[in-house]
Amino acid sequence: MNIALRKLAMIEKSLIAQEEAAKIQGYSNVPIDQDFKRRVTDLMDKVRVI
């Protein structure tokens, strides 16, 4: 289970970095899947609460 949590954290960190890079490059719409990002963030929030 620990490895899965680490991978989720790495994915979340990667998505945040991609979103920031897109904003820096001047994109008004972020080219990453917002639904996927929301689901990963929700999972990590649930894990952090436990």
C-alpha atoms as a PDB file:
ATOM      1  CA  MET A   1       0.000   0.000   0.000  1.00  0.00           C
ATOM      2  CA  ASN A   2       2.850   2.364   0.752  1.00  0.00           C
ATOM      3  CA  ILE A   3       4.171   2.170  -2.816  1.00  0.00           C
ATOM      4  CA  ALA A   4       0.728   2.981  -4.225  1.00  0.00           C
ATOM      5  CA  LEU A   5       0.483   6.059  -2.004  1.00  0.00           C
ATOM      6  CA  ARG A   6       3.920   7.246  -3.064  1.00  0.00           C
ATOM      7  CA  LYS A   7       3.014   6.838  -6.728  1.00  0.00           C
ATOM      8  CA  LEU A   8      -0.223   8.774  -6.225  1.00  0.00           C
ATOM      9  CA  ALA A   9       1.748  11.544  -4.520  1.00  0.00           C
ATOM     10  CA  MET A  10       4.231  11.605  -7.404  1.00  0.00           C
ATOM     11  CA  ILE A  11       1.395  11.791  -9.943  1.00  0.00           C
ATOM     12  CA  GLU A  12      -0.233  14.625  -7.996  1.00  0.00           C
ATOM     13  CA  LYS A  13       3.054  16.523  -7.833  1.00  0.00           C
ATOM     14  CA  SER A  14       3.638  15.984 -11.557  1.00  0.00           C
ATOM     15  CA  LEU A  15       0.160  17.256 -12.458  1.00  0.00           C
ATOM     16  CA  ILE A  16       0.657  20.382 -10.359  1.00  0.00           C
ATOM     17  CA  ALA A  17       4.035  21.021 -12.015  1.00  0.00           C
ATOM     18  CA  GLN A  18       2.540  20.570 -15.490  1.00  0.00           C
ATOM     19  CA  GLU A  19      -0.267  22.984 -14.644  1.00  0.00           C
ATOM     20  CA  GLU A  20       2.207  25.625 -13.412  1.00  0.00           C
ATOM     21  CA  ALA A  21       4.400  25.174 -16.493  1.00  0.00           C
ATOM     22  CA  ALA A  22       1.394  25.630 -18.771  1.00  0.00           C
ATOM     23  CA  LYS A  23       0.443  28.846 -16.975  1.00  0.00           C
ATOM     24  CA  ILE A  24       4.003  30.153 -17.279  1.00  0.00           C
ATOM     25  CA  GLN A  25       3.991  29.423 -21.016  1.00  0.00           C
ATOM     26  CA  GLY A  26       0.850  31.501 -21.368  1.00  0.00           C
ATOM     27  CA  TYR A  27      -1.848  28.899 -21.882  1.00  0.00           C
ATOM     28  CA  SER A  28      -5.263  30.063 -20.731  1.00  0.00           C
ATOM     29  CA  ASN A  29      -6.592  26.476 -20.667  1.00  0.00           C
ATOM     30  CA  VAL A  30      -4.439  23.862 -18.992  1.00  0.00           C
ATOM     31  CA  PRO A  31      -3.923  20.905 -21.371  1.00  0.00           C
ATOM     32  CA  ILE A  32      -4.119  18.242 -18.625  1.00  0.00           C
ATOM     33  CA  ASP A  33      -7.240  16.282 -17.740  1.00  0.00           C
ATOM     34  CA  GLN A  34      -8.897  18.228 -14.919  1.00  0.00           C
ATOM     35  CA  ASP A  35     -11.190  15.336 -13.937  1.00  0.00           C
ATOM     36  CA  PHE A  36      -8.213  13.009 -13.485  1.00  0.00           C
ATOM     37  CA  LYS A  37      -6.365  15.648 -11.456  1.00  0.00           C
ATOM     38  CA  ARG A  38      -9.422  16.167  -9.244  1.00  0.00           C
ATOM     39  CA  ARG A  39      -9.796  12.424  -8.615  1.00  0.00           C
ATOM     40  CA  VAL A  40      -6.115  12.023  -7.695  1.00  0.00           C
ATOM     41  CA  THR A  41      -6.298  15.028  -5.367  1.00  0.00           C
ATOM     42  CA  ASP A  42      -9.471  13.683  -3.728  1.00  0.00           C
ATOM     43  CA  LEU A  43      -7.821  10.308  -3.141  1.00  0.00           C
ATOM     44  CA  MET A  44      -4.752  11.907  -1.605  1.00  0.00           C
ATOM     45  CA  ASP A  45      -6.938  14.091   0.641  1.00  0.00           C
ATOM     46  CA  LYS A  46      -8.799  11.005   1.865  1.00  0.00           C
ATOM     47  CA  VAL A  47      -5.516   9.207   2.580  1.00  0.00           C
ATOM     48  CA  ARG A  48      -4.109  12.196   4.448  1.00  0.00           C
ATOM     49  CA  VAL A  49      -7.179  12.256   6.712  1.00  0.00           C
ATOM     50  CA  ILE A  50      -6.779   8.584   7.638  1.00  0.00           C
END
